[in-house]
Protein backbone atom coordinates (compact mmCIF):
# COMPACT_ATOMS: atom_id res chain seq x y z
CA MET A 1 -1.79 19.14 21.08
CA LYS A 2 -0.14 19.55 17.56
CA ILE A 3 3.04 17.42 17.79
CA ALA A 4 6.06 18.44 14.99
CA ILE A 5 8.35 15.82 13.96
CA LEU A 6 11.28 16.89 11.72
CA GLY A 7 12.30 14.43 9.09
CA ASP A 8 10.96 12.59 6.57
CA GLY A 9 12.86 8.99 6.90
CA GLY A 10 11.46 5.73 8.01
CA TRP A 11 11.76 6.54 12.13
CA GLY A 12 10.17 10.30 11.71
CA THR A 13 7.02 8.60 8.98
CA THR A 14 6.33 5.73 11.51
CA LEU A 15 6.36 7.93 14.65
CA GLY A 16 3.95 10.53 12.72
CA ILE A 17 1.76 7.31 12.43
CA LEU A 18 2.11 6.06 15.61
CA LEU A 19 0.80 9.37 17.44
CA SER A 20 -1.72 10.20 14.48
CA LYS A 21 -3.22 7.14 15.49
CA LYS A 22 -3.52 8.30 18.86
CA GLY A 23 -5.42 11.02 18.06
CA TYR A 24 -2.50 13.84 17.81
CA LYS A 25 -2.39 16.62 15.64
CA VAL A 26 1.53 15.74 13.83
CA VAL A 27 2.91 17.55 10.86
CA ILE A 28 6.45 16.17 9.57
CA TRP A 29 8.88 18.47 8.03
CA GLY A 30 11.53 17.26 5.26
CA PRO A 31 14.36 19.41 3.91
CA PHE A 32 12.77 18.33 -0.10
CA PRO A 33 9.18 20.36 -0.68
CA LYS A 34 9.13 17.79 -4.04
CA TYR A 35 9.26 14.93 -1.98
CA LEU A 36 6.44 15.99 0.67
CA LYS A 37 4.24 16.57 -2.19
CA VAL A 38 4.95 12.94 -2.60
CA LEU A 39 3.46 12.27 0.65
CA ASP A 40 1.39 13.96 0.60
CA LYS A 41 -0.71 12.65 -2.82
CA LYS A 42 0.54 8.71 -2.56
CA ARG A 43 0.32 8.85 1.43
CA GLU A 44 2.30 6.83 1.35
CA ASN A 45 6.89 6.82 2.02
CA GLU A 46 7.52 4.48 -0.65
CA LYS A 47 11.56 5.31 -0.46
CA TYR A 48 12.00 4.63 3.54
CA LEU A 49 8.16 3.32 4.60
CA PRO A 50 6.73 1.18 1.44
CA LYS A 51 3.62 -0.87 1.63
CA ILE A 52 2.58 1.11 5.05
CA LYS A 53 -0.20 3.80 4.12
CA ILE A 54 0.04 7.99 6.28
CA PRO A 55 -2.58 8.45 8.21
CA LYS A 56 -4.54 11.32 5.68
CA GLU A 57 -5.36 12.89 8.78
CA ILE A 58 -1.48 13.69 9.22
CA GLU A 59 -0.12 16.57 7.34
CA PHE A 60 3.63 17.57 5.14
CA GLU A 61 4.62 20.57 5.41
CA ASP A 62 8.25 21.96 3.98
CA ASN A 63 8.72 25.73 5.68
CA ILE A 64 9.94 24.02 9.43
CA LYS A 65 8.87 27.73 10.75
CA LYS A 66 5.64 26.74 10.09
CA ALA A 67 5.85 23.63 10.54
CA THR A 68 7.37 23.43 14.46
CA ARG A 69 5.11 27.05 15.01
CA GLY A 70 2.58 26.08 18.22
CA ALA A 71 4.00 22.03 18.28
CA LYS A 72 3.76 21.28 21.94
CA VAL A 73 6.42 18.70 21.23
CA ILE A 74 9.38 18.61 18.30
CA ILE A 75 10.61 14.85 17.13
CA VAL A 76 13.66 15.67 15.78
CA ALA A 77 14.46 12.68 13.74
CA ILE A 78 17.29 13.58 11.39
CA PRO A 79 20.72 12.05 11.50
CA SER A 80 23.82 12.62 13.38
CA LYS A 81 25.62 14.13 10.56
CA PHE A 82 22.95 16.75 9.48
CA PHE A 83 21.05 16.91 12.45
CA ARG A 84 23.36 20.01 13.57
CA LYS A 85 22.58 21.89 10.69
CA VAL A 86 18.86 21.46 10.70
CA VAL A 87 18.46 21.91 14.83
CA LYS A 88 20.31 25.96 13.22
CA LYS A 89 17.31 27.17 11.82
CA LEU A 90 15.16 26.49 14.68
CA LYS A 91 17.23 29.45 16.77
CA ASN A 92 15.09 31.38 18.38
CA GLN A 93 12.01 30.08 17.23
CA ILE A 94 11.41 27.76 20.32
CA LYS A 95 9.01 28.90 23.48
CA LYS A 96 9.61 28.03 26.77
CA ASP A 97 6.64 25.83 26.72
CA GLN A 98 7.70 23.09 23.93
CA ILE A 99 9.75 19.56 24.59
CA LEU A 100 12.84 18.27 21.40
CA VAL A 101 13.19 15.10 21.55
CA SER A 102 15.60 13.26 19.42
CA VAL A 103 14.94 10.18 18.48
CA ALA A 104 18.43 10.04 16.67
CA LYS A 105 20.94 7.43 17.92
CA GLY A 106 24.58 8.72 16.76
CA ILE A 107 27.76 10.58 17.64
CA GLU A 108 28.61 14.45 15.86
CA LYS A 109 31.51 12.70 14.41
CA LYS A 110 33.67 16.35 14.60
CA THR A 111 32.81 17.37 17.83
CA HIS A 112 32.56 14.18 19.37
CA LYS A 113 28.73 15.70 20.59
CA ARG A 114 25.16 13.47 21.39
CA MET A 115 22.73 15.16 20.41
CA SER A 116 20.49 16.70 23.23
CA GLU A 117 23.40 18.17 23.99
CA ILE A 118 23.88 19.50 19.89
CA LEU A 119 19.96 20.25 20.96
CA GLU A 120 21.16 22.22 24.03
CA GLU A 121 24.33 23.82 22.42
CA GLU A 122 22.17 25.46 19.76
CA LEU A 123 18.89 25.99 21.43
CA GLY A 124 20.20 26.90 24.23
CA LYS A 125 18.16 25.99 27.90
CA ALA A 126 15.35 23.28 26.43
CA LYS A 127 13.13 21.16 27.39
CA ILE A 128 14.96 18.27 26.89
CA GLY A 129 13.83 13.75 25.47
CA VAL A 130 15.37 11.32 23.82
CA LEU A 131 13.44 8.22 22.69
CA SER A 132 15.45 5.15 22.00
CA GLY A 133 14.72 1.26 22.24
CA PRO A 134 14.26 -1.91 20.33
CA ASN A 135 12.82 -0.72 18.03
CA ILE A 136 12.73 -1.43 13.99
CA ALA A 137 10.78 1.52 12.77
CA ARG A 138 8.59 -0.87 9.94
CA GLU A 139 7.69 -3.09 12.65
CA ILE A 140 6.53 -0.44 14.88
CA ALA A 141 4.19 0.92 11.66
CA LEU A 142 2.79 -2.66 11.13
CA GLY A 143 1.49 -2.38 14.71
CA MET A 144 4.00 -4.96 15.66
CA PRO A 145 4.16 -5.11 20.52
CA ALA A 146 8.07 -2.89 21.10
CA VAL A 147 9.07 -0.97 23.97
CA SER A 148 11.60 1.46 23.66
CA LEU A 149 12.63 4.46 26.79
CA VAL A 150 11.79 8.38 27.15
CA ALA A 151 15.60 10.09 29.15
CA SER A 152 15.35 13.64 30.21
CA LYS A 153 16.79 15.14 32.42
CA ASN A 154 13.85 17.02 33.82
CA LYS A 155 11.20 14.14 35.36
CA LYS A 156 7.83 16.55 34.49
CA VAL A 157 9.61 16.00 30.50
CA ALA A 158 9.98 12.78 31.03
CA GLN A 159 6.75 11.46 31.73
CA PHE A 160 4.66 13.87 30.30
CA LEU A 161 7.19 12.16 27.02
CA GLN A 162 6.03 8.45 28.49
CA ASP A 163 2.52 10.11 28.25
CA VAL A 164 2.89 10.86 24.52
CA PHE A 165 4.95 8.51 23.33
CA PHE A 166 3.13 5.70 25.14
CA ALA A 167 0.34 3.11 23.12
CA LYS A 168 -1.52 -0.28 22.43
CA ASN A 169 1.79 -1.61 21.33
CA PHE A 170 4.71 0.86 22.19
CA ARG A 171 5.37 0.95 25.99
CA VAL A 172 7.09 3.50 27.61
CA TYR A 173 9.59 3.79 30.23
CA LEU A 174 11.57 5.79 32.23
CA SER A 175 15.23 6.69 32.37
CA ASN A 176 17.42 9.71 34.01
CA ASP A 177 20.04 8.21 32.24
CA ILE A 178 20.21 10.28 28.86
CA LEU A 179 24.13 10.08 28.26
CA GLY A 180 23.85 6.43 28.99
CA VAL A 181 20.65 6.17 26.84
CA GLU A 182 21.93 8.31 23.74
CA ILE A 183 25.99 6.65 23.96
CA GLY A 184 24.45 2.95 24.32
CA GLY A 185 22.15 3.53 21.12
CA ALA A 186 24.89 5.29 19.13
CA PHE A 187 27.53 2.79 20.17
CA LYS A 188 25.18 -0.29 19.02
CA ASN A 189 25.37 0.57 15.06
CA ILE A 190 29.32 -0.48 15.68
CA ILE A 191 28.64 -3.89 17.12
CA ALA A 192 25.60 -4.62 14.60
CA ILE A 193 28.13 -3.74 11.64
CA ALA A 194 30.09 -6.24 13.83
CA CYS A 195 27.58 -9.08 13.02
CA GLY A 196 27.20 -7.88 9.95
CA ILE A 197 30.65 -8.41 8.85
CA ALA A 198 30.37 -12.29 10.61
CA ASP A 199 27.59 -13.36 8.42
CA GLY A 200 28.56 -11.33 5.05
CA LEU A 201 32.13 -13.74 6.35
CA GLY A 202 29.32 -16.63 5.88
CA PHE A 203 29.34 -17.57 9.74
CA LYS A 204 26.84 -18.31 12.31
CA ASP A 205 25.02 -17.75 15.44
CA ASN A 206 27.57 -18.08 17.95
CA THR A 207 30.47 -15.46 16.09
CA LYS A 208 27.24 -13.66 16.84
CA ALA A 209 26.85 -14.47 20.13
CA ALA A 210 30.69 -13.57 21.15
CA ILE A 211 30.44 -9.93 19.24
CA CYS A 212 27.81 -9.44 21.01
CA VAL A 213 28.51 -10.01 24.38
CA ARG A 214 31.99 -9.00 23.93
CA GLY A 215 30.35 -5.22 22.12
CA LEU A 216 28.33 -5.11 25.30
CA VAL A 217 31.03 -5.03 27.40
CA GLU A 218 33.28 -2.11 25.54
CA MET A 219 29.83 -0.31 26.23
CA GLU A 220 29.78 -0.25 29.65
CA ARG A 221 33.58 0.26 29.88
CA LEU A 222 32.44 3.71 27.54
CA VAL A 223 29.24 4.05 29.15
CA LYS A 224 31.31 4.44 32.42
CA LYS A 225 34.06 6.18 31.84
CA LEU A 226 31.55 8.89 30.35
CA GLY A 227 29.69 9.20 34.06
CA GLY A 228 26.72 7.10 32.40
CA LYS A 229 25.15 4.17 34.04
CA ARG A 230 25.78 0.44 34.26
CA LYS A 231 22.02 0.35 34.57
CA THR A 232 21.35 1.32 31.44
CA VAL A 233 23.45 -0.52 29.29
CA TYR A 234 22.07 -3.70 30.59
CA GLY A 235 18.04 -2.06 29.98
CA ILE A 236 16.31 -1.31 27.43
CA ALA A 237 18.76 1.68 24.94
CA GLY A 238 21.57 -0.57 25.58
CA LEU A 239 21.35 -4.59 25.76
CA GLY A 240 17.35 -4.33 24.06
CA ASP A 241 19.00 -2.32 21.16
CA LEU A 242 22.04 -3.86 20.62
CA ILE A 243 20.22 -7.24 20.26
CA VAL A 244 17.96 -5.34 17.48
CA THR A 245 19.77 -3.90 15.27
CA SER A 246 22.47 -7.04 15.53
CA PHE A 247 20.72 -9.61 14.68
CA SER A 248 17.17 -7.54 12.55
CA PRO A 249 17.66 -8.46 8.41
CA LEU A 250 15.76 -4.47 8.92
CA SER A 251 19.49 -3.02 10.27
CA ARG A 252 20.75 -0.82 7.58
CA ASN A 253 23.87 -0.83 10.65
CA ARG A 254 24.33 -5.01 10.27
CA THR A 255 23.14 -4.82 6.77
CA LEU A 256 26.04 -2.16 5.60
CA GLY A 257 28.65 -5.17 7.45
CA GLU A 258 27.18 -7.85 5.10
CA LYS A 259 27.92 -6.65 2.43
CA ILE A 260 31.35 -5.73 3.47
CA GLY A 261 31.80 -9.70 4.61
CA GLN A 262 30.72 -9.76 1.06
CA GLY A 263 33.94 -8.24 0.01
CA LYS A 264 31.92 -4.93 -0.74
CA SER A 265 34.47 -1.98 -0.79
CA LEU A 266 32.43 0.94 2.56
CA LYS A 267 31.50 3.07 -0.50
CA GLU A 268 30.03 0.96 -2.48
CA ALA A 269 28.26 -0.51 0.29
CA ILE A 270 27.54 3.46 1.67
CA ASN A 271 25.58 4.13 -2.11
CA GLU A 272 23.64 0.54 -2.67
CA ILE A 273 21.62 1.88 1.06
CA ALA A 274 21.38 4.82 0.69
CA ARG A 275 20.25 4.38 -3.05
CA GLY A 276 17.77 0.66 -2.29
CA LYS A 277 15.19 1.54 -4.40
CA GLY A 278 11.85 0.05 -2.84
CA SER A 279 14.33 -1.56 0.07
CA VAL A 280 11.89 -1.26 3.57
CA ILE A 281 16.37 -0.47 4.82
CA ARG A 282 16.99 1.85 2.70
CA GLY A 283 19.08 5.38 4.61
CA VAL A 284 21.01 6.78 6.04
CA VAL A 285 24.08 4.06 7.96
CA GLU A 286 24.10 5.84 11.56
CA GLY A 287 27.48 3.27 12.96
CA VAL A 288 29.61 5.19 9.80
CA GLU A 289 29.80 8.81 11.78
CA THR A 290 29.29 7.26 15.06
CA ILE A 291 32.53 4.81 15.29
CA GLN A 292 35.17 7.43 14.01
CA ALA A 293 34.06 9.45 16.75
CA ILE A 294 33.61 6.78 19.35
CA TYR A 295 36.98 5.53 17.59
CA GLN A 296 38.88 8.82 18.69
CA ILE A 297 36.65 8.50 22.69
CA SER A 298 38.08 5.17 23.07
CA LYS A 299 41.68 5.87 22.40
CA LYS A 300 41.59 9.40 23.96
CA LEU A 301 40.22 8.43 27.25
CA LYS A 302 42.24 4.32 27.00
CA ILE A 303 39.55 2.56 26.76
CA ASP A 304 40.08 -0.86 25.98
CA MET A 305 37.56 -1.61 22.71
CA PRO A 306 39.40 -4.29 20.56
CA ILE A 307 36.01 -4.74 18.04
CA THR A 308 35.51 -1.10 18.32
CA LYS A 309 39.03 -1.21 16.98
CA ALA A 310 39.16 -3.69 14.74
CA VAL A 311 35.55 -2.46 12.56
CA TRP A 312 37.12 0.64 12.21
CA GLN A 313 40.67 -1.07 10.55
CA ILE A 314 37.80 -2.26 8.22
CA LEU A 315 35.91 0.01 7.38
CA PHE A 316 38.64 2.50 7.10
CA GLN A 317 41.82 0.98 7.00
CA LYS A 318 40.04 -1.71 4.53
CA LYS A 319 42.30 -4.07 6.71
CA SER A 320 41.12 -7.69 6.00
CA PRO A 321 38.06 -8.74 8.07
CA LYS A 322 39.24 -12.19 8.17
CA GLU A 323 42.64 -11.17 9.37
CA ILE A 324 41.32 -8.74 11.98
CA LEU A 325 39.04 -11.42 12.87
CA GLU A 326 41.88 -13.83 13.73
CA LYS A 327 43.86 -11.32 15.74
CA LEU A 328 40.38 -11.11 17.99
CA MET A 329 41.12 -14.64 18.61
CA GLN A 330 43.86 -14.90 19.73
CA ARG A 331 44.77 -16.13 23.49
CA PRO A 332 44.43 -12.29 25.61
CA LYS A 333 47.99 -11.71 27.03
CA LYS A 334 46.23 -10.83 30.72
CA ALA A 335 43.14 -13.20 31.48
CA GLU A 336 39.53 -11.42 30.74
């Protein structure tokens, strides 16, 4: 069975390795033909997944139509910022039997759309699923045990994808709460940035635990208001993902927050992570786009999300992290 992966970053490459080892025919598409040739020749993604060998069976294709033609599953591993632009390339190309899987964890800044909503909007009535969970790409590429979750409105699609992704050291669970799964996967990046800021300021585990537990409250408020399930918030795609992204040294969102806590500007932090030659955390920081969307959603729906607001003020109003923390520590007007 052929599986096409759109996106040659760390996560796309990792999933390619996992699925190729299961015996699937994997084709990876990327936006830069020259880099695809490098990947094909060196069999190593030096930019995003250094020192991990890419199986010789994986093919690289710079023509998106060729890459997806005949693929039973099309995995879209594109950052939310560029997600719609790439998906538009698939218009009038998707067949009824093909399944689209989003593995991006973000919210579109301008429209506040989730990635599955963009797939539906651009491609019509397609079979759609989402893969999300506490998944640090490098650890999975190295074969370390991990769990994830597949969500779809279509039970048969979810079950099929569970079989596709389930591997020796990669246990996959099922959900029909696609909204809750996507919101959880996107929102946890905000809390990870907050935890990174705490790291940058020199604070320790008590502070980060407080941020995580109160961040989980905000996630629950948001998911509940939008129509998702509480169970999802306290599961793999919610709490599980929030923990690993907030504490892992391999987390780009946590690392961005740490740089800001150390006094660097948002632009400096983004550029350092985007261009970090040889770094295992190089790439796009999804939380920067996501927080702009979620902060606006919280204002529109009048959801009390103080940590979200605090991170937004630090990133986009250049507020002092220490001053913002002092405000967060003030006694609330009403008991919580």
